[in-house]
Amino acid sequence: VSSLLEICNDGTPNSQAMAAGVLRILSVYPEIKENFIEENAVMILLGLWNSGTILAQENAIGCLNNLVVKDDNLKLLIAREGVIESMKNYWDSINSVQNLEVAIVMIQILASCPLIVENLVADGFLNRVAGVLSCGVLGCRIAAAKAVYELSYNTKTRKELGEIGCISALVRMMDGKAVEEKEVAAKALSRLMAFPGNRRIFKKEEKGIVSAVQLLDPLVQNLDKKYPVLILISLVHSKKCRKQ
C-alpha cells in the first residue's frame, strides 16, 4: 500500500492511474483499511483526485468510496477537505456519463451522513443526480436512485426532487430489466411518496401503480417487496387509486 501511494504522489500520470486502480481493488478488503489510514492514504487520494488524469481521478474516487463507506469520521474528514467542490469539478470535466458512476456513489455515501447531506443539497447535487436517472448507463441509474433515497431525507428535498422530474424517471426504472434497478427505484419512490405533492405526481403516471403491483409478482425474485408495498400504502387513501 505504501509503495502504491508513493507512486500516486510522485509517479508519471499513467503510473498514478494504474497505482490508484490497484489501491481501489485492495481497499475492498476491510482488514487492509488500517494500512491505508496509517499511510495517510485519504489525503494522498484526495490530492490525486484534484490533479490526476480522468482515469486516476476515477480510481482515486472509487478507492475513497471503499474506505469511507462505513466510517462517518472519514466522511466528515473528506468533507472538510473540500470533497464536494472536487466532485463538482470532476462532474463538469468529464465527457462520458460512464465515468460518473464513482462520483454518484460518493454522493450516496456522503448523503447518508446527516452532517453532510445539507451541504450536498445546497451545492446543487439534487439536479445533478436527478439528471442521471434517465441516462443510458445502468450502473449510473442505479447509483443515482440510491443517492435520491439518501438525499430525500426531509420534506423540502422530497418536494424538490419531485418537482425536478424524479418520479417519472423512477417509475420508468421500475420497468427496467435488472432486478436491482427495479428495487432501488421502488426504494427511492417509497421515500419520496412521503410528500403529498409527489403522490399527486405519481397518480398521473400511467404505469405507476401497474409497475409497483407487478413487482409483487412471485416470479420477480430477489427483490425486497417492502418497497412496492410502501408505495401502494401511500396511495390507498385515494378512491381512484384503490379502484385501480
C-alpha atoms as a PDB file:
ATOM      1  CA  VAL A   1       0.000   0.000   0.000  1.00  0.00           C
ATOM      2  CA  SER A   2       2.760   2.450   0.915  1.00  0.00           C
ATOM      3  CA  SER A   3       4.622   1.825  -2.355  1.00  0.00           C
ATOM      4  CA  LEU A   4       1.468   2.326  -4.417  1.00  0.00           C
ATOM      5  CA  LEU A   5       0.628   5.530  -2.543  1.00  0.00           C
ATOM      6  CA  GLU A   6       4.144   6.779  -3.236  1.00  0.00           C
ATOM      7  CA  ILE A   7       3.500   6.275  -6.962  1.00  0.00           C
ATOM      8  CA  CYS A   8       0.215   8.182  -6.588  1.00  0.00           C
ATOM      9  CA  ASN A   9       2.258  11.063  -5.185  1.00  0.00           C
ATOM     10  CA  ASP A  10       5.284  11.092  -7.463  1.00  0.00           C
ATOM     11  CA  GLY A  11       4.698   8.767 -10.431  1.00  0.00           C
ATOM     12  CA  THR A  12       4.011   9.566 -14.068  1.00  0.00           C
ATOM     13  CA  PRO A  13       0.354  10.318 -14.934  1.00  0.00           C
ATOM     14  CA  ASN A  14      -0.136   6.807 -16.330  1.00  0.00           C
ATOM     15  CA  SER A  15       1.525   5.041 -13.386  1.00  0.00           C
ATOM     16  CA  GLN A  16      -0.522   7.142 -10.955  1.00  0.00           C
ATOM     17  CA  ALA A  17      -3.728   5.955 -12.605  1.00  0.00           C
ATOM     18  CA  MET A  18      -2.583   2.316 -12.524  1.00  0.00           C
ATOM     19  CA  ALA A  19      -1.435   2.519  -8.887  1.00  0.00           C
ATOM     20  CA  ALA A  20      -4.767   4.085  -7.865  1.00  0.00           C
ATOM     21  CA  GLY A  21      -6.531   1.258  -9.711  1.00  0.00           C
ATOM     22  CA  VAL A  22      -4.693  -1.382  -7.669  1.00  0.00           C
ATOM     23  CA  LEU A  23      -5.397   0.537  -4.454  1.00  0.00           C
ATOM     24  CA  ARG A  24      -9.066   0.693  -5.417  1.00  0.00           C
ATOM     25  CA  ILE A  25      -9.150  -3.121  -5.590  1.00  0.00           C
ATOM     26  CA  LEU A  26      -7.244  -3.550  -2.308  1.00  0.00           C
ATOM     27  CA  SER A  27      -9.478  -1.080  -0.471  1.00  0.00           C
ATOM     28  CA  VAL A  28     -12.414  -3.501  -0.788  1.00  0.00           C
ATOM     29  CA  TYR A  29     -10.850  -5.655   1.964  1.00  0.00           C
ATOM     30  CA  PRO A  30     -11.656  -4.328   5.467  1.00  0.00           C
ATOM     31  CA  GLU A  31      -8.600  -5.977   7.025  1.00  0.00           C
ATOM     32  CA  ILE A  32      -6.309  -3.741   4.923  1.00  0.00           C
ATOM     33  CA  LYS A  33      -8.086  -0.479   5.800  1.00  0.00           C
ATOM     34  CA  GLU A  34      -5.753   0.201   8.735  1.00  0.00           C
ATOM     35  CA  ASN A  35      -2.772   0.170   6.352  1.00  0.00           C
ATOM     36  CA  PHE A  36      -4.434   2.869   4.275  1.00  0.00           C
ATOM     37  CA  ILE A  37      -5.112   5.023   7.331  1.00  0.00           C
ATOM     38  CA  GLU A  38      -1.552   4.657   8.673  1.00  0.00           C
ATOM     39  CA  GLU A  39      -0.108   5.726   5.310  1.00  0.00           C
ATOM     40  CA  ASN A  40      -2.270   8.886   5.087  1.00  0.00           C
ATOM     41  CA  ALA A  41      -3.997   7.413   2.043  1.00  0.00           C
ATOM     42  CA  VAL A  42      -7.089   9.614   2.268  1.00  0.00           C
ATOM     43  CA  MET A  43      -5.129  12.846   1.808  1.00  0.00           C
ATOM     44  CA  ILE A  44      -2.967  11.385  -0.960  1.00  0.00           C
ATOM     45  CA  LEU A  45      -6.034  10.121  -2.847  1.00  0.00           C
ATOM     46  CA  LEU A  46      -7.753  13.494  -2.449  1.00  0.00           C
ATOM     47  CA  GLY A  47      -4.648  15.121  -3.913  1.00  0.00           C
ATOM     48  CA  LEU A  48      -4.681  12.743  -6.882  1.00  0.00           C
ATOM     49  CA  TRP A  49      -8.398  13.403  -7.360  1.00  0.00           C
ATOM     50  CA  ASN A  50      -7.635  17.087  -7.808  1.00  0.00           C
ATOM     51  CA  SER A  51      -4.562  16.721 -10.032  1.00  0.00           C
ATOM     52  CA  GLY A  52      -4.536  13.369 -11.860  1.00  0.00           C
ATOM     53  CA  THR A  53      -5.819  12.209 -15.230  1.00  0.00           C
ATOM     54  CA  ILE A  54      -9.515  11.306 -15.554  1.00  0.00           C
ATOM     55  CA  LEU A  55      -8.675   7.608 -15.023  1.00  0.00           C
ATOM     56  CA  ALA A  56      -6.523   8.441 -11.991  1.00  0.00           C
ATOM     57  CA  GLN A  57      -9.324  10.566 -10.564  1.00  0.00           C
ATOM     58  CA  GLU A  58     -11.909   7.847 -11.181  1.00  0.00           C
ATOM     59  CA  ASN A  59      -9.760   5.248  -9.413  1.00  0.00           C
ATOM     60  CA  ALA A  60      -8.965   7.622  -6.545  1.00  0.00           C
ATOM     61  CA  ILE A  61     -12.683   8.314  -6.009  1.00  0.00           C
ATOM     62  CA  GLY A  62     -13.501   4.597  -6.204  1.00  0.00           C
ATOM     63  CA  CYS A  63     -10.831   3.849  -3.605  1.00  0.00           C
ATOM     64  CA  LEU A  64     -12.091   6.616  -1.301  1.00  0.00           C
ATOM     65  CA  ASN A  65     -15.638   5.266  -1.629  1.00  0.00           C
ATOM     66  CA  ASN A  66     -14.468   1.905  -0.302  1.00  0.00           C
ATOM     67  CA  LEU A  67     -12.534   3.493   2.564  1.00  0.00           C
ATOM     68  CA  VAL A  68     -15.186   5.910   3.854  1.00  0.00           C
ATOM     69  CA  VAL A  69     -18.412   3.992   3.161  1.00  0.00           C
ATOM     70  CA  LYS A  70     -18.928   2.808   6.757  1.00  0.00           C
ATOM     71  CA  ASP A  71     -16.924   5.484   8.555  1.00  0.00           C
ATOM     72  CA  ASP A  72     -18.673   8.794   9.348  1.00  0.00           C
ATOM     73  CA  ASN A  73     -15.440  10.258  10.736  1.00  0.00           C
ATOM     74  CA  LEU A  74     -13.696   9.755   7.391  1.00  0.00           C
ATOM     75  CA  LYS A  75     -16.732  11.167   5.557  1.00  0.00           C
ATOM     76  CA  LEU A  76     -16.500  14.310   7.685  1.00  0.00           C
ATOM     77  CA  LEU A  77     -12.733  14.484   7.120  1.00  0.00           C
ATOM     78  CA  ILE A  78     -13.018  14.473   3.322  1.00  0.00           C
ATOM     79  CA  ALA A  79     -15.931  16.915   3.510  1.00  0.00           C
ATOM     80  CA  ARG A  80     -13.739  19.343   5.470  1.00  0.00           C
ATOM     81  CA  GLU A  81     -11.002  18.865   2.875  1.00  0.00           C
ATOM     82  CA  GLY A  82     -13.267  20.148   0.095  1.00  0.00           C
ATOM     83  CA  VAL A  83     -14.533  16.901  -1.428  1.00  0.00           C
ATOM     84  CA  ILE A  84     -17.841  18.472  -2.503  1.00  0.00           C
ATOM     85  CA  GLU A  85     -16.068  21.092  -4.605  1.00  0.00           C
ATOM     86  CA  SER A  86     -13.819  18.347  -6.032  1.00  0.00           C
ATOM     87  CA  MET A  87     -16.923  16.386  -7.035  1.00  0.00           C
ATOM     88  CA  LYS A  88     -18.379  19.367  -8.863  1.00  0.00           C
ATOM     89  CA  ASN A  89     -15.105  19.922 -10.719  1.00  0.00           C
ATOM     90  CA  TYR A  90     -14.857  16.222 -11.658  1.00  0.00           C
ATOM     91  CA  TRP A  91     -18.512  16.101 -12.757  1.00  0.00           C
ATOM     92  CA  ASP A  92     -18.068  19.122 -15.010  1.00  0.00           C
ATOM     93  CA  SER A  93     -14.788  17.942 -16.524  1.00  0.00           C
ATOM     94  CA  ILE A  94     -15.741  14.529 -17.900  1.00  0.00           C
ATOM     95  CA  ASN A  95     -17.331  13.804 -21.254  1.00  0.00           C
ATOM     96  CA  SER A  96     -18.749  10.315 -20.644  1.00  0.00           C
ATOM     97  CA  VAL A  97     -21.595   9.591 -18.233  1.00  0.00           C
ATOM     98  CA  GLN A  98     -19.957   6.185 -17.655  1.00  0.00           C
ATOM     99  CA  ASN A  99     -17.200   7.911 -15.647  1.00  0.00           C
ATOM    100  CA  LEU A 100     -19.812   9.492 -13.365  1.00  0.00           C
ATOM    101  CA  GLU A 101     -20.725   6.325 -11.511  1.00  0.00           C
ATOM    102  CA  VAL A 102     -17.985   6.603  -8.864  1.00  0.00           C
ATOM    103  CA  ALA A 103     -18.928  10.234  -8.164  1.00  0.00           C
ATOM    104  CA  ILE A 104     -22.630   9.353  -7.821  1.00  0.00           C
ATOM    105  CA  VAL A 105     -21.719   6.549  -5.408  1.00  0.00           C
ATOM    106  CA  MET A 106     -19.698   9.102  -3.431  1.00  0.00           C
ATOM    107  CA  ILE A 107     -22.764  11.382  -3.250  1.00  0.00           C
ATOM    108  CA  GLN A 108     -24.862   8.480  -1.979  1.00  0.00           C
ATOM    109  CA  ILE A 109     -22.230   7.626   0.671  1.00  0.00           C
ATOM    110  CA  LEU A 110     -21.842  11.229   1.856  1.00  0.00           C
ATOM    111  CA  ALA A 111     -25.599  11.888   1.808  1.00  0.00           C
ATOM    112  CA  SER A 112     -26.042   9.074   4.346  1.00  0.00           C
ATOM    113  CA  CYS A 113     -24.213  11.289   6.860  1.00  0.00           C
ATOM    114  CA  PRO A 114     -26.654  13.821   8.418  1.00  0.00           C
ATOM    115  CA  LEU A 115     -23.894  16.388   8.911  1.00  0.00           C
ATOM    116  CA  ILE A 116     -23.003  16.423   5.190  1.00  0.00           C
ATOM    117  CA  VAL A 117     -26.255  15.917   3.298  1.00  0.00           C
ATOM    118  CA  GLU A 118     -27.391  19.560   3.683  1.00  0.00           C
ATOM    119  CA  ASN A 119     -24.177  20.749   2.025  1.00  0.00           C
ATOM    120  CA  LEU A 120     -24.756  18.440  -0.949  1.00  0.00           C
ATOM    121  CA  VAL A 121     -28.270  19.836  -1.386  1.00  0.00           C
ATOM    122  CA  ALA A 122     -27.038  23.417  -1.058  1.00  0.00           C
ATOM    123  CA  ASP A 123     -24.390  22.805  -3.715  1.00  0.00           C
ATOM    124  CA  GLY A 124     -26.913  21.705  -6.342  1.00  0.00           C
ATOM    125  CA  PHE A 125     -26.484  17.935  -6.329  1.00  0.00           C
ATOM    126  CA  LEU A 126     -30.231  17.242  -6.416  1.00  0.00           C
ATOM    127  CA  ASN A 127     -30.402  18.412 -10.025  1.00  0.00           C
ATOM    128  CA  ARG A 128     -27.175  16.665 -10.949  1.00  0.00           C
ATOM    129  CA  VAL A 129     -28.315  13.309  -9.584  1.00  0.00           C
ATOM    130  CA  ALA A 130     -31.860  13.626 -10.956  1.00  0.00           C
ATOM    131  CA  GLY A 131     -30.457  14.181 -14.443  1.00  0.00           C
ATOM    132  CA  VAL A 132     -28.675  10.803 -14.359  1.00  0.00           C
ATOM    133  CA  LEU A 133     -31.814   8.767 -13.600  1.00  0.00           C
ATOM    134  CA  SER A 134     -32.712   8.766 -17.299  1.00  0.00           C
ATOM    135  CA  CYS A 135     -29.224   8.114 -18.702  1.00  0.00           C
ATOM    136  CA  GLY A 136     -28.347   5.050 -20.757  1.00  0.00           C
ATOM    137  CA  VAL A 137     -25.859   3.544 -18.275  1.00  0.00           C
ATOM    138  CA  LEU A 138     -27.431   1.030 -15.889  1.00  0.00           C
ATOM    139  CA  GLY A 139     -24.797   1.374 -13.143  1.00  0.00           C
ATOM    140  CA  CYS A 140     -25.208   5.156 -13.098  1.00  0.00           C
ATOM    141  CA  ARG A 141     -29.008   4.928 -12.933  1.00  0.00           C
ATOM    142  CA  ILE A 142     -28.818   2.503 -10.000  1.00  0.00           C
ATOM    143  CA  ALA A 143     -26.272   4.674  -8.162  1.00  0.00           C
ATOM    144  CA  ALA A 144     -28.421   7.762  -8.805  1.00  0.00           C
ATOM    145  CA  ALA A 145     -31.573   6.101  -7.419  1.00  0.00           C
ATOM    146  CA  LYS A 146     -29.653   5.111  -4.282  1.00  0.00           C
ATOM    147  CA  ALA A 147     -28.432   8.701  -3.974  1.00  0.00           C
ATOM    148  CA  VAL A 148     -32.003  10.027  -4.378  1.00  0.00           C
ATOM    149  CA  TYR A 149     -33.080   7.818  -1.483  1.00  0.00           C
ATOM    150  CA  GLU A 150     -30.365   9.302   0.763  1.00  0.00           C
ATOM    151  CA  LEU A 151     -30.892  12.882  -0.440  1.00  0.00           C
ATOM    152  CA  SER A 152     -34.657  12.772   0.200  1.00  0.00           C
ATOM    153  CA  TYR A 153     -34.067  12.986   3.941  1.00  0.00           C
ATOM    154  CA  ASN A 154     -36.678  15.677   4.651  1.00  0.00           C
ATOM    155  CA  THR A 155     -39.892  17.175   3.257  1.00  0.00           C
ATOM    156  CA  LYS A 156     -38.120  20.024   1.479  1.00  0.00           C
ATOM    157  CA  THR A 157     -35.789  17.819  -0.571  1.00  0.00           C
ATOM    158  CA  ARG A 158     -38.563  15.306  -1.306  1.00  0.00           C
ATOM    159  CA  LYS A 159     -40.663  18.141  -2.702  1.00  0.00           C
ATOM    160  CA  GLU A 160     -37.773  19.465  -4.802  1.00  0.00           C
ATOM    161  CA  LEU A 161     -36.846  16.019  -6.151  1.00  0.00           C
ATOM    162  CA  GLY A 162     -40.463  15.510  -7.193  1.00  0.00           C
ATOM    163  CA  GLU A 163     -40.585  18.884  -8.928  1.00  0.00           C
ATOM    164  CA  ILE A 164     -37.445  18.212 -10.998  1.00  0.00           C
ATOM    165  CA  GLY A 165     -38.786  15.014 -12.538  1.00  0.00           C
ATOM    166  CA  CYS A 166     -37.552  12.172 -10.341  1.00  0.00           C
ATOM    167  CA  ILE A 167     -40.950  10.465 -10.055  1.00  0.00           C
ATOM    168  CA  SER A 168     -41.331   9.805 -13.793  1.00  0.00           C
ATOM    169  CA  ALA A 169     -37.746   8.603 -14.140  1.00  0.00           C
ATOM    170  CA  LEU A 170     -38.058   6.219 -11.181  1.00  0.00           C
ATOM    171  CA  VAL A 171     -41.357   4.812 -12.483  1.00  0.00           C
ATOM    172  CA  ARG A 172     -39.588   4.003 -15.758  1.00  0.00           C
ATOM    173  CA  MET A 173     -36.790   2.337 -13.778  1.00  0.00           C
ATOM    174  CA  MET A 174     -39.316   0.065 -12.031  1.00  0.00           C
ATOM    175  CA  ASP A 175     -39.966  -1.345 -15.513  1.00  0.00           C
ATOM    176  CA  GLY A 176     -36.254  -1.952 -16.120  1.00  0.00           C
ATOM    177  CA  LYS A 177     -34.853  -5.405 -16.870  1.00  0.00           C
ATOM    178  CA  ALA A 178     -32.432  -5.650 -13.944  1.00  0.00           C
ATOM    179  CA  VAL A 179     -33.943  -6.615 -10.570  1.00  0.00           C
ATOM    180  CA  GLU A 180     -31.544  -4.283  -8.761  1.00  0.00           C
ATOM    181  CA  GLU A 181     -32.745  -1.352 -10.872  1.00  0.00           C
ATOM    182  CA  LYS A 182     -36.383  -2.197 -10.096  1.00  0.00           C
ATOM    183  CA  GLU A 183     -35.684  -2.424  -6.363  1.00  0.00           C
ATOM    184  CA  VAL A 184     -33.657   0.782  -5.968  1.00  0.00           C
ATOM    185  CA  ALA A 185     -36.294   2.697  -7.957  1.00  0.00           C
ATOM    186  CA  ALA A 186     -39.081   1.379  -5.719  1.00  0.00           C
ATOM    187  CA  LYS A 187     -36.995   2.139  -2.618  1.00  0.00           C
ATOM    188  CA  ALA A 188     -36.387   5.748  -3.690  1.00  0.00           C
ATOM    189  CA  LEU A 189     -40.066   6.204  -4.602  1.00  0.00           C
ATOM    190  CA  SER A 190     -41.196   4.765  -1.265  1.00  0.00           C
ATOM    191  CA  ARG A 191     -39.394   7.614   0.489  1.00  0.00           C
ATOM    192  CA  LEU A 192     -40.379  10.343  -1.982  1.00  0.00           C
ATOM    193  CA  MET A 193     -44.043   9.377  -1.628  1.00  0.00           C
ATOM    194  CA  ALA A 194     -43.998  10.600   1.972  1.00  0.00           C
ATOM    195  CA  PHE A 195     -44.569  14.068   0.462  1.00  0.00           C
ATOM    196  CA  PRO A 196     -48.229  14.511  -0.632  1.00  0.00           C
ATOM    197  CA  GLY A 197     -47.319  16.502  -3.741  1.00  0.00           C
ATOM    198  CA  ASN A 198     -45.236  13.589  -5.017  1.00  0.00           C
ATOM    199  CA  ARG A 199     -48.190  11.258  -4.583  1.00  0.00           C
ATOM    200  CA  ARG A 200     -50.191  13.554  -6.857  1.00  0.00           C
ATOM    201  CA  ILE A 201     -47.403  13.401  -9.460  1.00  0.00           C
ATOM    202  CA  PHE A 202     -47.241   9.603  -9.159  1.00  0.00           C
ATOM    203  CA  LYS A 203     -51.013   9.245  -9.688  1.00  0.00           C
ATOM    204  CA  LYS A 204     -50.646  10.963 -13.058  1.00  0.00           C
ATOM    205  CA  GLU A 205     -48.064   8.396 -14.183  1.00  0.00           C
ATOM    206  CA  GLU A 206     -49.876   5.998 -16.480  1.00  0.00           C
ATOM    207  CA  LYS A 207     -47.749   2.997 -15.464  1.00  0.00           C
ATOM    208  CA  GLY A 208     -47.079   3.990 -11.840  1.00  0.00           C
ATOM    209  CA  ILE A 209     -49.460   1.693  -9.936  1.00  0.00           C
ATOM    210  CA  VAL A 210     -49.175  -1.076 -12.536  1.00  0.00           C
ATOM    211  CA  SER A 211     -45.378  -1.096 -12.253  1.00  0.00           C
ATOM    212  CA  ALA A 212     -45.498  -1.182  -8.441  1.00  0.00           C
ATOM    213  CA  VAL A 213     -48.031  -4.038  -8.409  1.00  0.00           C
ATOM    214  CA  GLN A 214     -46.021  -6.037 -10.936  1.00  0.00           C
ATOM    215  CA  LEU A 215     -43.046  -6.013  -8.558  1.00  0.00           C
ATOM    216  CA  LEU A 216     -45.167  -8.049  -6.104  1.00  0.00           C
ATOM    217  CA  ASP A 217     -45.341 -10.917  -8.606  1.00  0.00           C
ATOM    218  CA  PRO A 218     -43.739 -14.027  -7.022  1.00  0.00           C
ATOM    219  CA  LEU A 219     -41.886 -14.536 -10.300  1.00  0.00           C
ATOM    220  CA  VAL A 220     -39.910 -11.344  -9.547  1.00  0.00           C
ATOM    221  CA  GLN A 221     -37.322 -12.829  -7.207  1.00  0.00           C
ATOM    222  CA  ASN A 222     -34.503 -11.322  -5.108  1.00  0.00           C
ATOM    223  CA  LEU A 223     -36.410  -8.055  -4.737  1.00  0.00           C
ATOM    224  CA  ASP A 224     -37.450  -6.642  -1.359  1.00  0.00           C
ATOM    225  CA  LYS A 225     -41.258  -6.468  -1.695  1.00  0.00           C
ATOM    226  CA  LYS A 226     -41.403  -3.979   1.182  1.00  0.00           C
ATOM    227  CA  TYR A 227     -40.731  -1.034  -1.120  1.00  0.00           C
ATOM    228  CA  PRO A 228     -43.527  -1.513  -3.674  1.00  0.00           C
ATOM    229  CA  VAL A 229     -45.867  -2.249  -0.742  1.00  0.00           C
ATOM    230  CA  LEU A 230     -44.888   1.083   0.864  1.00  0.00           C
ATOM    231  CA  ILE A 231     -45.627   2.864  -2.430  1.00  0.00           C
ATOM    232  CA  LEU A 232     -49.075   1.282  -2.609  1.00  0.00           C
ATOM    233  CA  ILE A 233     -49.810   2.008   1.061  1.00  0.00           C
ATOM    234  CA  SER A 234     -49.192   5.698   0.392  1.00  0.00           C
ATOM    235  CA  LEU A 235     -51.951   5.632  -2.273  1.00  0.00           C
ATOM    236  CA  VAL A 236     -54.766   3.718  -0.572  1.00  0.00           C
ATOM    237  CA  HIS A 237     -56.386   6.913   0.713  1.00  0.00           C
ATOM    238  CA  SER A 238     -57.273   7.809  -2.886  1.00  0.00           C
ATOM    239  CA  LYS A 239     -60.539   6.242  -4.086  1.00  0.00           C
ATOM    240  CA  LYS A 240     -59.313   6.329  -7.689  1.00  0.00           C
ATOM    241  CA  CYS A 241     -56.050   4.571  -6.782  1.00  0.00           C
ATOM    242  CA  ARG A 242     -57.843   1.946  -4.673  1.00  0.00           C
ATOM    243  CA  LYS A 243     -60.096   1.152  -7.614  1.00  0.00           C
ATOM    244  CA  GLN A 244     -57.068   0.785  -9.933  1.00  0.00           C
END
